[in-house]
Amino acid sequence: MEYVSSEYRIKSVLGRLEMIVDNENQRIGKDPEFDLKVSNARKSRCLYELTMLFRDTAPNDLAASYVEQMHALKKKLALNARRVEAHMNAVRAVADLLKNAVQDADADGTYSQEQFLFCET
């Protein structure tokens, strides 16, 4: 009975993780309503659950279908890592543009409060 329960849980968690990764891969960088933080928390939770489920399982004891599914999931996670990295690089680029725009606006030839106080002395 424990074996069936464990098999079902593994299948369930792998399925959820695959859905989360597929959803994230489709929506990241395209859907402004997509919440990467929430998606990442769900993904992390599934990975943690899998770690706990596989903790006491020898690799040779895994059903062949799970091994195949995990190989496919590994490819999806690799794609996901590249997309998350690209998204983070884009976020950094936008943040740098905004920071530079603020700095340029501050250096538009007018005096800052500190410069004004210095001129009074």
Protein backbone atom coordinates (compact mmCIF):
# COMPACT_ATOMS: atom_id res chain seq x y z
CA MET A 1 0.00 0.00 0.00
CA GLU A 2 2.86 2.41 0.83
CA TYR A 3 4.39 1.72 -2.60
CA VAL A 4 1.16 2.60 -4.43
CA SER A 5 0.75 5.76 -2.36
CA SER A 6 4.33 6.79 -3.05
CA GLU A 7 3.97 6.04 -6.78
CA TYR A 8 0.80 8.12 -6.96
CA ARG A 9 2.42 11.02 -5.09
CA ILE A 10 5.48 10.95 -7.36
CA LYS A 11 3.28 10.96 -10.46
CA SER A 12 1.17 13.78 -9.03
CA VAL A 13 4.13 15.98 -8.08
CA LEU A 14 5.90 15.39 -11.40
CA GLY A 15 2.71 16.33 -13.24
CA ARG A 16 2.24 19.52 -11.20
CA LEU A 17 5.87 20.51 -11.66
CA GLU A 18 5.68 19.97 -15.40
CA MET A 19 2.51 22.12 -15.60
CA ILE A 20 4.14 24.90 -13.56
CA VAL A 21 7.31 24.89 -15.68
CA ASP A 22 5.33 24.79 -18.95
CA ASN A 23 3.16 27.68 -17.78
CA GLU A 24 6.18 29.70 -16.70
CA ASN A 25 8.04 29.00 -19.96
CA GLN A 26 5.02 30.15 -21.98
CA ARG A 27 4.24 33.28 -19.98
CA ILE A 28 7.56 34.68 -18.76
CA GLY A 29 8.43 37.85 -20.61
CA LYS A 30 5.13 37.82 -22.53
CA ASP A 31 2.37 38.18 -19.97
CA PRO A 32 2.59 41.34 -17.83
CA GLU A 33 0.20 39.77 -15.31
CA PHE A 34 2.48 36.76 -14.78
CA ASP A 35 3.81 36.56 -11.22
CA LEU A 36 7.28 35.02 -11.39
CA LYS A 37 7.66 35.05 -7.62
CA VAL A 38 4.51 32.95 -7.08
CA SER A 39 5.45 30.59 -9.90
CA ASN A 40 8.93 30.15 -8.49
CA ALA A 41 7.52 29.38 -5.03
CA ARG A 42 5.28 26.69 -6.52
CA LYS A 43 8.15 25.25 -8.53
CA SER A 44 10.39 25.18 -5.44
CA ARG A 45 7.67 23.47 -3.43
CA CYS A 46 7.33 20.70 -6.03
CA LEU A 47 11.09 20.21 -6.20
CA TYR A 48 11.19 19.96 -2.40
CA GLU A 49 8.35 17.41 -2.41
CA LEU A 50 10.18 15.34 -5.03
CA THR A 51 13.34 15.45 -2.97
CA MET A 52 11.44 14.14 0.03
CA LEU A 53 9.71 11.43 -2.01
CA PHE A 54 12.95 10.25 -3.62
CA ARG A 55 15.00 10.52 -0.43
CA ASP A 56 14.59 6.85 0.45
CA THR A 57 14.22 5.54 -3.09
CA ALA A 58 17.08 3.85 -4.92
CA PRO A 59 17.47 5.05 -8.54
CA ASN A 60 16.99 1.47 -9.78
CA ASP A 61 13.60 1.32 -8.05
CA LEU A 62 12.10 4.15 -10.11
CA ALA A 63 9.58 3.18 -12.72
CA ALA A 64 10.85 3.63 -16.27
CA SER A 65 8.02 6.05 -17.02
CA TYR A 66 9.20 8.35 -14.21
CA VAL A 67 12.75 8.26 -15.49
CA GLU A 68 11.53 9.28 -18.97
CA GLN A 69 9.30 11.98 -17.50
CA MET A 70 12.17 13.29 -15.37
CA HIS A 71 14.47 13.48 -18.41
CA ALA A 72 11.81 15.48 -20.28
CA LEU A 73 11.33 17.67 -17.20
CA LYS A 74 15.09 18.22 -16.98
CA LYS A 75 15.04 19.63 -20.53
CA LYS A 76 12.11 21.88 -19.68
CA LEU A 77 13.89 23.08 -16.54
CA ALA A 78 17.02 23.88 -18.58
CA LEU A 79 14.88 25.98 -20.95
CA ASN A 80 13.22 27.54 -17.93
CA ALA A 81 16.59 28.49 -16.43
CA ARG A 82 17.58 30.22 -19.68
CA ARG A 83 14.26 32.10 -19.85
CA VAL A 84 14.40 33.18 -16.20
CA GLU A 85 17.98 34.37 -16.71
CA ALA A 86 16.98 36.33 -19.82
CA HIS A 87 14.05 37.85 -17.91
CA MET A 88 16.30 38.86 -15.01
CA ASN A 89 18.82 40.41 -17.43
CA ALA A 90 15.99 42.40 -19.03
CA VAL A 91 14.80 43.57 -15.61
CA ARG A 92 18.35 44.68 -14.74
CA ALA A 93 18.64 46.53 -18.07
CA VAL A 94 15.39 48.40 -17.46
CA ALA A 95 16.44 49.24 -13.90
CA ASP A 96 19.77 50.59 -15.19
CA LEU A 97 17.96 52.71 -17.80
CA LEU A 98 15.69 54.17 -15.14
CA LYS A 99 18.61 54.82 -12.79
CA ASN A 100 20.55 56.57 -15.56
CA ALA A 101 17.49 58.64 -16.53
CA VAL A 102 17.09 59.80 -12.93
CA GLN A 103 20.80 60.63 -12.69
CA ASP A 104 20.64 62.54 -15.99
CA ALA A 105 17.58 64.46 -14.81
CA ASP A 106 19.38 65.36 -11.57
CA ALA A 107 22.38 66.61 -13.57
CA ASP A 108 20.38 68.84 -15.91
CA GLY A 109 22.34 71.97 -15.00
CA THR A 110 20.26 73.08 -12.03
CA TYR A 111 21.67 73.19 -8.55
CA SER A 112 20.91 70.52 -6.03
CA GLN A 113 19.95 71.47 -2.50
CA GLU A 114 23.48 70.63 -1.32
CA GLN A 115 25.04 72.81 -4.04
CA PHE A 116 22.71 75.69 -3.16
CA LEU A 117 23.68 75.52 0.51
CA PHE A 118 27.36 75.45 -0.45
CA CYS A 119 26.94 78.59 -2.55
CA GLU A 120 25.45 80.54 0.38
CA THR A 121 28.52 80.24 2.59
